[in-house]
Amino acid sequence: MTSRREFVVQLGVGASALLAGGQVFAQAMVDEKDAQAAALGYKADTTKVDNKKFASHKPDQNCANCALYQAKAGDKAGGCPLFAGKKVAGAGWCSAWAKKG
């Protein structure tokens, strides 16, 4: 059985390893089947979103025009704080979409 203290230490070690290897992880794209992505309804192509399940989705919404998207204008993919260490497609969408600006 792992104590809470051991867990916190292990979590810190794991986080350090992720930061050290950030360049490798930064290049990976989010998989739509990833647990976090599935929970948020992420699709790499906004036209593939289930509009019955996600009624808030609008055709003009995509990651590139979301306030959380971390990339330059015109980039095909960029970072998102919801998917730490992975990129999302600029043409993608998830239920956490928030209007930029």
N, C-alpha and C. Protein backbone atom coordinates (compact mmCIF):
# COMPACT_ATOMS: atom_id res chain seq x y z
N MET A 1 0.84 -1.18 0.00
CA MET A 1 0.00 0.00 0.00
C MET A 1 0.89 1.24 0.00
N THR A 2 0.58 2.18 -0.85
CA THR A 2 1.35 3.40 -0.96
C THR A 2 0.73 4.47 -0.07
N SER A 3 1.57 5.11 0.72
CA SER A 3 1.07 6.18 1.57
C SER A 3 0.86 7.44 0.73
N ARG A 4 0.13 8.36 1.28
CA ARG A 4 -0.11 9.63 0.60
C ARG A 4 1.20 10.34 0.33
N ARG A 5 2.10 10.32 1.31
CA ARG A 5 3.39 11.00 1.16
C ARG A 5 4.20 10.38 0.01
N GLU A 6 4.21 9.04 -0.05
CA GLU A 6 4.94 8.36 -1.14
C GLU A 6 4.31 8.71 -2.49
N PHE A 7 3.00 8.77 -2.52
CA PHE A 7 2.31 9.11 -3.76
C PHE A 7 2.70 10.51 -4.23
N VAL A 8 2.71 11.47 -3.32
CA VAL A 8 3.06 12.85 -3.66
C VAL A 8 4.49 12.92 -4.17
N VAL A 9 5.40 12.19 -3.53
CA VAL A 9 6.80 12.17 -3.98
C VAL A 9 6.89 11.57 -5.38
N GLN A 10 6.19 10.46 -5.59
CA GLN A 10 6.21 9.82 -6.91
C GLN A 10 5.60 10.74 -7.97
N LEU A 11 4.56 11.45 -7.61
CA LEU A 11 3.94 12.39 -8.53
C LEU A 11 4.93 13.49 -8.92
N GLY A 12 5.69 13.98 -7.94
CA GLY A 12 6.70 15.00 -8.21
C GLY A 12 7.79 14.49 -9.13
N VAL A 13 8.22 13.26 -8.90
CA VAL A 13 9.26 12.65 -9.75
C VAL A 13 8.72 12.49 -11.17
N GLY A 14 7.48 12.04 -11.29
CA GLY A 14 6.88 11.87 -12.62
C GLY A 14 6.75 13.20 -13.35
N ALA A 15 6.33 14.23 -12.63
CA ALA A 15 6.19 15.55 -13.24
C ALA A 15 7.54 16.08 -13.71
N SER A 16 8.57 15.86 -12.92
CA SER A 16 9.92 16.29 -13.31
C SER A 16 10.36 15.58 -14.58
N ALA A 17 10.07 14.30 -14.66
CA ALA A 17 10.44 13.53 -15.85
C ALA A 17 9.70 14.07 -17.08
N LEU A 18 8.43 14.42 -16.90
CA LEU A 18 7.68 14.98 -18.03
C LEU A 18 8.25 16.32 -18.48
N LEU A 19 8.62 17.15 -17.52
CA LEU A 19 9.20 18.44 -17.87
C LEU A 19 10.54 18.27 -18.57
N ALA A 20 11.33 17.34 -18.10
CA ALA A 20 12.65 17.10 -18.70
C ALA A 20 12.51 16.58 -20.13
N GLY A 21 11.48 15.78 -20.37
CA GLY A 21 11.28 15.22 -21.70
C GLY A 21 10.22 15.98 -22.48
N GLY A 22 9.94 17.19 -22.09
CA GLY A 22 8.88 17.98 -22.69
C GLY A 22 8.96 18.11 -24.19
N GLN A 23 10.15 18.19 -24.74
CA GLN A 23 10.29 18.33 -26.19
C GLN A 23 9.69 17.15 -26.91
N VAL A 24 9.89 15.95 -26.37
CA VAL A 24 9.34 14.76 -27.00
C VAL A 24 7.82 14.78 -26.91
N PHE A 25 7.29 15.06 -25.72
CA PHE A 25 5.86 15.06 -25.52
C PHE A 25 5.17 16.21 -26.25
N ALA A 26 5.84 17.31 -26.41
CA ALA A 26 5.23 18.48 -27.04
C ALA A 26 4.86 18.19 -28.50
N GLN A 27 5.50 17.23 -29.10
CA GLN A 27 5.25 16.93 -30.50
C GLN A 27 4.06 15.99 -30.70
N ALA A 28 3.63 15.29 -29.68
CA ALA A 28 2.56 14.32 -29.81
C ALA A 28 1.21 15.02 -29.96
N MET A 29 0.38 14.47 -30.82
CA MET A 29 -0.97 14.99 -30.99
C MET A 29 -1.90 14.27 -30.02
N VAL A 30 -2.93 14.94 -29.59
CA VAL A 30 -3.93 14.34 -28.72
C VAL A 30 -4.68 13.27 -29.52
N ASP A 31 -4.84 12.12 -28.92
CA ASP A 31 -5.62 11.04 -29.52
C ASP A 31 -7.07 11.22 -29.10
N GLU A 32 -7.99 11.18 -30.03
CA GLU A 32 -9.41 11.35 -29.71
C GLU A 32 -9.90 10.30 -28.71
N LYS A 33 -9.21 9.16 -28.64
CA LYS A 33 -9.61 8.08 -27.74
C LYS A 33 -9.01 8.23 -26.35
N ASP A 34 -8.11 9.19 -26.17
CA ASP A 34 -7.53 9.48 -24.86
C ASP A 34 -8.67 9.79 -23.90
N ALA A 35 -8.56 9.36 -22.64
CA ALA A 35 -9.64 9.54 -21.67
C ALA A 35 -10.06 11.00 -21.53
N GLN A 36 -9.10 11.90 -21.40
CA GLN A 36 -9.41 13.33 -21.26
C GLN A 36 -10.09 13.86 -22.53
N ALA A 37 -9.56 13.47 -23.68
CA ALA A 37 -10.13 13.93 -24.95
C ALA A 37 -11.56 13.42 -25.12
N ALA A 38 -11.77 12.16 -24.81
CA ALA A 38 -13.11 11.58 -24.94
C ALA A 38 -14.09 12.26 -23.99
N ALA A 39 -13.65 12.54 -22.77
CA ALA A 39 -14.52 13.19 -21.79
C ALA A 39 -14.94 14.58 -22.25
N LEU A 40 -14.06 15.26 -22.98
CA LEU A 40 -14.35 16.61 -23.47
C LEU A 40 -14.94 16.61 -24.88
N GLY A 41 -15.13 15.43 -25.46
CA GLY A 41 -15.69 15.34 -26.80
C GLY A 41 -14.76 15.84 -27.88
N TYR A 42 -13.44 15.80 -27.63
CA TYR A 42 -12.46 16.32 -28.60
C TYR A 42 -12.52 15.56 -29.92
N LYS A 43 -12.54 16.32 -30.98
CA LYS A 43 -12.41 15.79 -32.34
C LYS A 43 -11.37 16.63 -33.06
N ALA A 44 -10.49 15.99 -33.80
CA ALA A 44 -9.45 16.70 -34.55
C ALA A 44 -10.03 17.49 -35.72
N ASP A 45 -11.26 17.16 -36.10
CA ASP A 45 -11.96 17.85 -37.18
C ASP A 45 -13.31 18.31 -36.64
N THR A 46 -13.50 19.61 -36.52
CA THR A 46 -14.72 20.16 -35.92
C THR A 46 -15.99 19.71 -36.64
N THR A 47 -15.89 19.33 -37.92
CA THR A 47 -17.08 18.88 -38.66
C THR A 47 -17.52 17.48 -38.23
N LYS A 48 -16.71 16.79 -37.45
CA LYS A 48 -17.02 15.42 -36.99
C LYS A 48 -17.65 15.40 -35.60
N VAL A 49 -17.87 16.56 -34.99
CA VAL A 49 -18.44 16.63 -33.65
C VAL A 49 -19.90 16.16 -33.68
N ASP A 50 -20.28 15.38 -32.68
CA ASP A 50 -21.65 14.91 -32.52
C ASP A 50 -22.50 16.07 -31.98
N ASN A 51 -23.19 16.76 -32.87
CA ASN A 51 -23.96 17.94 -32.49
C ASN A 51 -25.17 17.62 -31.62
N LYS A 52 -25.63 16.39 -31.65
CA LYS A 52 -26.73 16.00 -30.77
C LYS A 52 -26.23 15.90 -29.33
N LYS A 53 -25.04 15.37 -29.17
CA LYS A 53 -24.45 15.22 -27.84
C LYS A 53 -23.90 16.55 -27.32
N PHE A 54 -23.35 17.34 -28.22
CA PHE A 54 -22.74 18.63 -27.86
C PHE A 54 -23.49 19.76 -28.56
N ALA A 55 -24.66 20.07 -28.03
CA ALA A 55 -25.53 21.08 -28.63
C ALA A 55 -24.90 22.47 -28.64
N SER A 56 -23.92 22.70 -27.77
CA SER A 56 -23.27 24.01 -27.72
C SER A 56 -22.31 24.23 -28.90
N HIS A 57 -21.97 23.16 -29.61
CA HIS A 57 -21.03 23.26 -30.73
C HIS A 57 -21.65 24.03 -31.90
N LYS A 58 -20.87 24.95 -32.44
CA LYS A 58 -21.27 25.72 -33.62
C LYS A 58 -20.25 25.45 -34.72
N PRO A 59 -20.67 25.44 -35.99
CA PRO A 59 -19.77 25.11 -37.09
C PRO A 59 -18.52 25.98 -37.19
N ASP A 60 -18.62 27.24 -36.74
CA ASP A 60 -17.47 28.14 -36.86
C ASP A 60 -16.51 28.04 -35.67
N GLN A 61 -16.79 27.17 -34.72
CA GLN A 61 -15.90 27.00 -33.56
C GLN A 61 -14.84 25.95 -33.87
N ASN A 62 -13.60 26.26 -33.56
CA ASN A 62 -12.52 25.29 -33.68
C ASN A 62 -11.41 25.67 -32.71
N CYS A 63 -10.46 24.80 -32.54
CA CYS A 63 -9.37 25.06 -31.59
C CYS A 63 -8.61 26.35 -31.94
N ALA A 64 -8.43 26.62 -33.22
CA ALA A 64 -7.66 27.80 -33.64
C ALA A 64 -8.30 29.11 -33.19
N ASN A 65 -9.62 29.13 -32.97
CA ASN A 65 -10.25 30.36 -32.51
C ASN A 65 -10.74 30.24 -31.06
N CYS A 66 -10.15 29.31 -30.32
CA CYS A 66 -10.45 29.11 -28.90
C CYS A 66 -9.45 29.89 -28.04
N ALA A 67 -9.91 30.44 -26.94
CA ALA A 67 -9.04 31.20 -26.03
C ALA A 67 -7.94 30.33 -25.42
N LEU A 68 -8.12 29.03 -25.38
CA LEU A 68 -7.13 28.13 -24.77
C LEU A 68 -6.02 27.70 -25.74
N TYR A 69 -6.22 27.91 -27.02
CA TYR A 69 -5.27 27.46 -28.05
C TYR A 69 -3.97 28.25 -27.97
N GLN A 70 -2.86 27.54 -27.94
CA GLN A 70 -1.55 28.16 -27.79
C GLN A 70 -0.69 27.91 -29.02
N ALA A 71 -0.94 28.67 -30.05
CA ALA A 71 -0.17 28.58 -31.29
C ALA A 71 -0.30 29.91 -32.03
N LYS A 72 0.55 30.07 -33.01
CA LYS A 72 0.49 31.27 -33.84
C LYS A 72 -0.66 31.14 -34.83
N ALA A 73 -1.20 32.26 -35.25
CA ALA A 73 -2.25 32.25 -36.27
C ALA A 73 -1.75 31.50 -37.49
N GLY A 74 -2.56 30.63 -38.01
CA GLY A 74 -2.20 29.86 -39.19
C GLY A 74 -1.54 28.52 -38.91
N ASP A 75 -1.10 28.28 -37.67
CA ASP A 75 -0.50 26.97 -37.33
C ASP A 75 -1.57 25.89 -37.41
N LYS A 76 -1.20 24.74 -37.93
CA LYS A 76 -2.16 23.64 -38.07
C LYS A 76 -2.41 22.92 -36.76
N ALA A 77 -1.50 23.08 -35.79
CA ALA A 77 -1.65 22.44 -34.48
C ALA A 77 -0.95 23.30 -33.44
N GLY A 78 -1.39 23.15 -32.22
CA GLY A 78 -0.80 23.92 -31.14
C GLY A 78 -1.13 23.33 -29.78
N GLY A 79 -0.55 23.88 -28.77
CA GLY A 79 -0.76 23.40 -27.42
C GLY A 79 -2.11 23.82 -26.86
N CYS A 80 -2.53 23.09 -25.83
CA CYS A 80 -3.75 23.42 -25.10
C CYS A 80 -3.52 22.99 -23.66
N PRO A 81 -3.77 23.87 -22.70
CA PRO A 81 -3.53 23.51 -21.31
C PRO A 81 -4.37 22.34 -20.82
N LEU A 82 -5.44 22.02 -21.51
CA LEU A 82 -6.26 20.88 -21.11
C LEU A 82 -5.61 19.55 -21.45
N PHE A 83 -4.67 19.58 -22.39
CA PHE A 83 -3.98 18.38 -22.84
C PHE A 83 -2.48 18.60 -22.72
N ALA A 84 -2.01 18.77 -21.51
CA ALA A 84 -0.61 19.12 -21.23
C ALA A 84 0.36 18.22 -21.98
N GLY A 85 1.30 18.86 -22.67
CA GLY A 85 2.35 18.14 -23.38
C GLY A 85 1.94 17.59 -24.72
N LYS A 86 0.72 17.85 -25.15
CA LYS A 86 0.26 17.36 -26.44
C LYS A 86 -0.33 18.51 -27.24
N LYS A 87 -0.37 18.31 -28.53
CA LYS A 87 -0.93 19.33 -29.42
C LYS A 87 -2.35 18.94 -29.83
N VAL A 88 -3.14 19.95 -30.11
CA VAL A 88 -4.47 19.75 -30.67
C VAL A 88 -4.48 20.31 -32.08
N ALA A 89 -5.34 19.78 -32.90
CA ALA A 89 -5.46 20.28 -34.27
C ALA A 89 -6.16 21.63 -34.27
N GLY A 90 -5.65 22.56 -35.05
CA GLY A 90 -6.28 23.86 -35.17
C GLY A 90 -7.72 23.74 -35.65
N ALA A 91 -7.99 22.72 -36.46
CA ALA A 91 -9.32 22.48 -36.99
C ALA A 91 -10.18 21.65 -36.05
N GLY A 92 -9.65 21.34 -34.87
CA GLY A 92 -10.36 20.50 -33.91
C GLY A 92 -11.35 21.27 -33.04
N TRP A 93 -11.96 20.56 -32.09
CA TRP A 93 -12.92 21.18 -31.17
C TRP A 93 -13.10 20.28 -29.95
N CYS A 94 -13.38 20.89 -28.80
CA CYS A 94 -13.81 20.14 -27.62
C CYS A 94 -14.82 20.97 -26.86
N SER A 95 -15.49 20.37 -25.90
CA SER A 95 -16.57 21.04 -25.19
C SER A 95 -16.10 22.17 -24.28
N ALA A 96 -14.80 22.32 -24.10
CA ALA A 96 -14.27 23.43 -23.30
C ALA A 96 -13.99 24.66 -24.16
N TRP A 97 -14.39 24.64 -25.43
CA TRP A 97 -14.14 25.76 -26.33
C TRP A 97 -14.64 27.05 -25.71
N ALA A 98 -13.81 28.09 -25.77
CA ALA A 98 -14.17 29.43 -25.26
C ALA A 98 -13.73 30.46 -26.29
N LYS A 99 -14.60 31.39 -26.57
CA LYS A 99 -14.31 32.42 -27.57
C LYS A 99 -13.04 33.20 -27.22
N LYS A 100 -12.18 33.33 -28.20
CA LYS A 100 -10.94 34.10 -28.02
C LYS A 100 -11.26 35.58 -28.01
N GLY A 101 -10.58 36.29 -27.09
CA GLY A 101 -10.69 37.74 -27.01
C GLY A 101 -11.97 38.15 -26.44
